[in-house]
């Protein structure tokens, strides 16, 4: 469950499309490590988690500044392009 302050709304962090030519479209990706913990603030373009692919490790960057509210995938879990990875909210005062 995600607890929100009055006026806050939930936003979603998605697994972006990985534009690596050598990567097979059907290849498996998995969450390697989260760079942020629930409740932690992040800035736009800051890595929030790292995903392992058959080619190497990629950083999933924040689409905007926010606060990580709820991780939906654990380290070691497989992920797919477009999958929701976490919920976040905008930082207060923004």
Protein backbone atom coordinates (compact mmCIF):
# COMPACT_ATOMS: atom_id res chain seq x y z
CA UNK A 1 0.00 0.00 0.00
CA UNK A 2 1.21 3.52 -0.78
CA UNK A 3 0.32 6.26 1.67
CA UNK A 4 -0.07 9.70 0.13
CA UNK A 5 -0.15 13.15 1.64
CA UNK A 6 -3.10 15.40 0.74
CA UNK A 7 -2.67 16.66 -2.81
CA UNK A 8 -0.08 14.00 -3.82
CA UNK A 9 -0.68 11.77 -6.81
CA UNK A 10 1.04 8.54 -7.79
CA UNK A 11 3.23 8.41 -10.88
CA UNK A 12 4.77 5.30 -12.41
CA UNK A 13 8.35 4.33 -13.20
CA UNK A 14 8.33 2.06 -16.28
CA UNK A 15 10.96 -0.20 -17.75
CA UNK A 16 12.03 1.83 -20.80
CA UNK A 17 12.76 0.40 -24.22
CA UNK A 18 16.40 -0.62 -24.36
CA UNK A 19 17.92 0.69 -27.59
CA UNK A 20 20.88 -1.65 -27.92
CA UNK A 21 21.19 -3.09 -31.44
CA UNK A 22 22.90 -6.28 -30.30
CA UNK A 23 20.16 -7.04 -27.74
CA UNK A 24 17.73 -9.75 -28.82
CA UNK A 25 14.12 -8.43 -28.48
CA UNK A 26 13.19 -11.62 -26.62
CA UNK A 27 16.16 -11.51 -24.26
CA UNK A 28 15.52 -11.61 -20.56
CA UNK A 29 16.30 -8.65 -18.35
CA UNK A 30 16.33 -8.72 -14.57
CA UNK A 31 16.61 -6.17 -11.79
CA UNK A 32 20.18 -6.23 -10.58
CA UNK A 33 20.05 -3.64 -7.79
CA UNK A 34 17.93 -0.70 -6.66
CA UNK A 35 19.92 2.52 -6.28
CA UNK A 36 17.17 4.13 -4.18
CA UNK A 37 15.14 2.91 -1.24
CA UNK A 38 11.45 3.54 -0.62
CA UNK A 39 11.00 7.05 0.78
CA UNK A 40 14.20 8.35 -0.83
CA UNK A 41 14.20 11.38 -3.10
CA UNK A 42 15.77 11.36 -6.57
CA UNK A 43 16.44 13.95 -9.27
CA UNK A 44 15.56 13.88 -12.95
CA UNK A 45 17.82 11.49 -14.92
CA UNK A 46 19.33 10.03 -11.72
CA UNK A 47 19.64 6.22 -11.79
CA UNK A 48 16.90 4.64 -9.66
CA UNK A 49 17.78 1.00 -10.39
CA UNK A 50 20.07 -1.10 -12.56
CA UNK A 51 18.90 -3.85 -14.88
CA UNK A 52 21.06 -6.67 -16.17
CA UNK A 53 20.75 -7.71 -19.82
CA UNK A 54 22.65 -10.24 -21.92
CA UNK A 55 24.77 -7.32 -23.19
CA UNK A 56 25.51 -5.72 -19.82
CA UNK A 57 24.06 -3.53 -17.08
CA UNK A 58 21.87 -0.53 -17.84
CA UNK A 59 20.67 2.22 -15.53
CA UNK A 60 16.96 3.04 -15.41
CA UNK A 61 16.89 6.81 -14.94
CA UNK A 62 14.19 8.86 -13.28
CA UNK A 63 11.88 10.60 -15.76
CA UNK A 64 11.56 13.54 -13.35
CA UNK A 65 12.39 14.46 -9.75
CA UNK A 66 10.42 12.49 -7.20
CA UNK A 67 10.21 10.33 -4.11
CA UNK A 68 10.25 6.54 -4.48
CA UNK A 69 7.10 5.34 -2.75
CA UNK A 70 6.81 1.63 -3.58
CA UNK A 71 9.04 -0.85 -5.43
CA UNK A 72 6.98 -3.34 -7.43
CA UNK A 73 9.83 -5.64 -8.47
CA UNK A 74 12.51 -7.13 -6.25
CA UNK A 75 16.19 -7.54 -7.02
CA UNK A 76 16.70 -10.64 -9.15
CA UNK A 77 13.21 -10.52 -10.71
CA UNK A 78 12.81 -10.53 -14.50
CA UNK A 79 11.37 -7.43 -16.19
CA UNK A 80 10.01 -6.54 -19.61
CA UNK A 81 9.88 -3.31 -21.61
CA UNK A 82 6.85 -1.27 -20.50
CA UNK A 83 6.51 -3.03 -17.15
CA UNK A 84 5.73 -0.80 -14.17
CA UNK A 85 8.70 -1.00 -11.79
CA UNK A 86 7.70 1.39 -9.01
CA UNK A 87 5.34 4.12 -7.83
CA UNK A 88 6.67 7.59 -7.08
CA UNK A 89 5.32 11.01 -6.21
CA UNK A 90 6.58 14.49 -6.95
CA UNK A 91 8.62 16.10 -4.18
CA UNK A 92 6.66 18.63 -2.11
CA UNK A 93 6.91 22.21 -3.20
CA UNK A 94 7.36 21.34 -6.87
